[in-house]
């Protein structure tokens, strides 16, 4: 089976909003840990391996 045959339809892209490039987060925000407790591998794959559009805050 080729890689092309395994691929399904691409899902609708999700828009991700990022802060302005000059944004400096406070120390507490930089040190905050992020975790996905109890997430299955399928959930993680769906969250990270999907199409997305990037939008910057304050950019028109």
N, C-alpha and C. Protein backbone atom coordinates (compact mmCIF):
# COMPACT_ATOMS: atom_id res chain seq x y z
N UNK A 1 0.85 -1.17 0.00
CA UNK A 1 0.00 0.00 0.00
C UNK A 1 0.89 1.24 0.00
N UNK A 2 0.63 2.16 -0.88
CA UNK A 2 1.44 3.37 -0.95
C UNK A 2 0.96 4.40 0.06
N UNK A 3 1.79 5.39 0.32
CA UNK A 3 1.43 6.45 1.26
C UNK A 3 0.20 7.20 0.76
N UNK A 4 0.10 7.35 -0.54
CA UNK A 4 -1.04 8.06 -1.11
C UNK A 4 -2.35 7.31 -0.85
N UNK A 5 -2.31 6.01 -0.90
CA UNK A 5 -3.51 5.21 -0.71
C UNK A 5 -3.98 5.24 0.74
N UNK A 6 -3.08 5.45 1.69
CA UNK A 6 -3.45 5.47 3.10
C UNK A 6 -4.09 6.78 3.52
N UNK A 7 -3.81 7.85 2.79
CA UNK A 7 -4.32 9.15 3.17
C UNK A 7 -5.81 9.26 2.93
N UNK A 8 -6.48 9.86 3.89
CA UNK A 8 -7.90 10.12 3.74
C UNK A 8 -8.11 11.57 3.35
N UNK A 9 -9.35 11.99 3.45
CA UNK A 9 -9.66 13.38 3.16
C UNK A 9 -9.08 14.27 4.25
N UNK A 10 -8.55 15.42 3.85
CA UNK A 10 -8.05 16.37 4.83
C UNK A 10 -9.23 17.06 5.50
N UNK A 11 -9.10 17.24 6.80
CA UNK A 11 -10.16 17.92 7.53
C UNK A 11 -10.05 19.42 7.32
N UNK A 12 -11.09 20.13 7.67
CA UNK A 12 -11.12 21.59 7.56
C UNK A 12 -10.03 22.17 8.46
N UNK A 13 -9.21 23.12 7.97
CA UNK A 13 -8.15 23.68 8.79
C UNK A 13 -8.69 24.43 10.00
N UNK A 14 -7.97 24.31 11.10
CA UNK A 14 -8.32 25.02 12.33
C UNK A 14 -7.48 26.29 12.38
N UNK A 15 -8.06 27.41 12.81
CA UNK A 15 -7.34 28.67 12.93
C UNK A 15 -6.73 28.78 14.32
N UNK A 16 -5.43 29.06 14.36
CA UNK A 16 -4.70 29.24 15.61
C UNK A 16 -4.31 30.70 15.72
N UNK A 17 -4.68 31.35 16.82
CA UNK A 17 -4.34 32.74 17.03
C UNK A 17 -3.12 32.84 17.94
N UNK A 18 -2.07 33.49 17.45
CA UNK A 18 -0.85 33.68 18.21
C UNK A 18 -0.73 35.15 18.62
N UNK A 19 -0.06 35.42 19.75
CA UNK A 19 0.12 36.81 20.14
C UNK A 19 1.06 37.54 19.18
N UNK A 20 1.06 38.87 19.26
CA UNK A 20 1.94 39.70 18.45
C UNK A 20 3.39 39.27 18.66
N UNK A 21 4.23 39.44 17.66
CA UNK A 21 5.63 39.00 17.75
C UNK A 21 6.41 39.72 18.85
N UNK A 22 5.99 40.91 19.24
CA UNK A 22 6.70 41.65 20.27
C UNK A 22 6.23 41.29 21.68
N UNK A 23 5.29 40.36 21.82
CA UNK A 23 4.75 39.96 23.12
C UNK A 23 5.81 39.27 23.96
N UNK A 24 5.97 39.71 25.21
CA UNK A 24 6.90 39.10 26.15
C UNK A 24 6.10 38.53 27.31
N UNK A 25 5.96 37.19 27.40
CA UNK A 25 5.16 36.61 28.48
C UNK A 25 5.86 36.77 29.83
N UNK A 26 5.08 36.88 30.91
CA UNK A 26 5.69 36.96 32.24
C UNK A 26 6.36 35.62 32.59
N UNK A 27 7.25 35.67 33.57
CA UNK A 27 8.02 34.48 33.96
C UNK A 27 7.10 33.32 34.33
N UNK A 28 6.02 33.59 35.07
CA UNK A 28 5.10 32.52 35.49
C UNK A 28 4.50 31.82 34.29
N UNK A 29 4.18 32.56 33.24
CA UNK A 29 3.60 31.96 32.03
C UNK A 29 4.63 31.11 31.28
N UNK A 30 5.89 31.55 31.27
CA UNK A 30 6.95 30.79 30.59
C UNK A 30 7.24 29.48 31.31
N UNK A 31 7.09 29.46 32.63
CA UNK A 31 7.42 28.26 33.41
C UNK A 31 6.24 27.31 33.59
N UNK A 32 5.06 27.68 33.13
CA UNK A 32 3.88 26.84 33.26
C UNK A 32 4.05 25.57 32.43
N UNK A 33 3.74 24.43 33.03
CA UNK A 33 3.82 23.16 32.32
C UNK A 33 2.48 22.87 31.64
N UNK A 34 2.55 22.23 30.49
CA UNK A 34 1.34 21.85 29.75
C UNK A 34 1.30 20.33 29.65
N UNK A 35 0.14 19.77 29.86
CA UNK A 35 0.01 18.33 29.87
C UNK A 35 -1.35 17.94 29.30
N UNK A 36 -1.44 16.73 28.79
CA UNK A 36 -2.70 16.19 28.28
C UNK A 36 -2.95 14.86 28.98
N UNK A 37 -3.28 14.91 30.28
CA UNK A 37 -3.47 13.65 31.02
C UNK A 37 -4.65 12.86 30.47
N UNK A 38 -4.45 11.58 30.34
CA UNK A 38 -5.53 10.70 29.89
C UNK A 38 -5.81 10.76 28.40
N UNK A 39 -5.04 11.51 27.64
CA UNK A 39 -5.28 11.60 26.20
C UNK A 39 -4.74 10.35 25.50
N UNK A 40 -5.54 9.80 24.63
CA UNK A 40 -5.10 8.62 23.88
C UNK A 40 -4.20 9.06 22.73
N UNK A 41 -3.48 8.12 22.14
CA UNK A 41 -2.63 8.44 21.00
C UNK A 41 -3.45 8.99 19.83
N UNK A 42 -4.64 8.47 19.66
CA UNK A 42 -5.51 8.94 18.59
C UNK A 42 -5.87 10.41 18.80
N UNK A 43 -6.19 10.79 20.03
CA UNK A 43 -6.54 12.17 20.34
C UNK A 43 -5.35 13.09 20.09
N UNK A 44 -4.18 12.66 20.50
CA UNK A 44 -2.98 13.46 20.31
C UNK A 44 -2.68 13.64 18.82
N UNK A 45 -2.78 12.56 18.06
CA UNK A 45 -2.57 12.65 16.61
C UNK A 45 -3.54 13.63 15.97
N UNK A 46 -4.79 13.55 16.35
CA UNK A 46 -5.81 14.43 15.77
C UNK A 46 -5.55 15.89 16.14
N UNK A 47 -4.99 16.13 17.33
CA UNK A 47 -4.73 17.50 17.77
C UNK A 47 -3.53 18.12 17.06
N UNK A 48 -2.48 17.33 16.83
CA UNK A 48 -1.23 17.88 16.32
C UNK A 48 -1.00 17.67 14.83
N UNK A 49 -1.59 16.68 14.24
CA UNK A 49 -1.36 16.40 12.83
C UNK A 49 -2.61 16.68 12.02
N UNK A 50 -2.92 17.95 11.90
CA UNK A 50 -4.06 18.38 11.12
C UNK A 50 -3.71 19.72 10.47
N UNK A 51 -4.40 20.10 9.42
CA UNK A 51 -4.11 21.39 8.78
C UNK A 51 -4.53 22.55 9.69
N UNK A 52 -3.81 23.65 9.61
CA UNK A 52 -4.16 24.82 10.40
C UNK A 52 -3.74 26.10 9.69
N UNK A 53 -4.39 27.19 10.08
CA UNK A 53 -4.07 28.54 9.61
C UNK A 53 -3.60 29.33 10.83
N UNK A 54 -2.55 30.13 10.66
CA UNK A 54 -2.02 30.94 11.76
C UNK A 54 -2.46 32.37 11.57
N UNK A 55 -2.98 32.95 12.65
CA UNK A 55 -3.41 34.35 12.64
C UNK A 55 -2.72 35.04 13.81
N UNK A 56 -2.17 36.21 13.60
CA UNK A 56 -1.50 36.98 14.65
C UNK A 56 -2.48 37.98 15.26
N UNK A 57 -2.47 38.10 16.60
CA UNK A 57 -3.29 39.12 17.27
C UNK A 57 -2.80 40.49 16.87
N UNK A 58 -3.71 41.39 16.65
CA UNK A 58 -3.34 42.77 16.30
C UNK A 58 -2.98 42.95 14.84
N UNK A 59 -2.86 41.89 14.08
CA UNK A 59 -2.55 41.99 12.64
C UNK A 59 -3.86 42.02 11.85
N UNK A 60 -3.95 42.93 10.93
CA UNK A 60 -5.18 43.02 10.12
C UNK A 60 -4.95 42.54 8.72
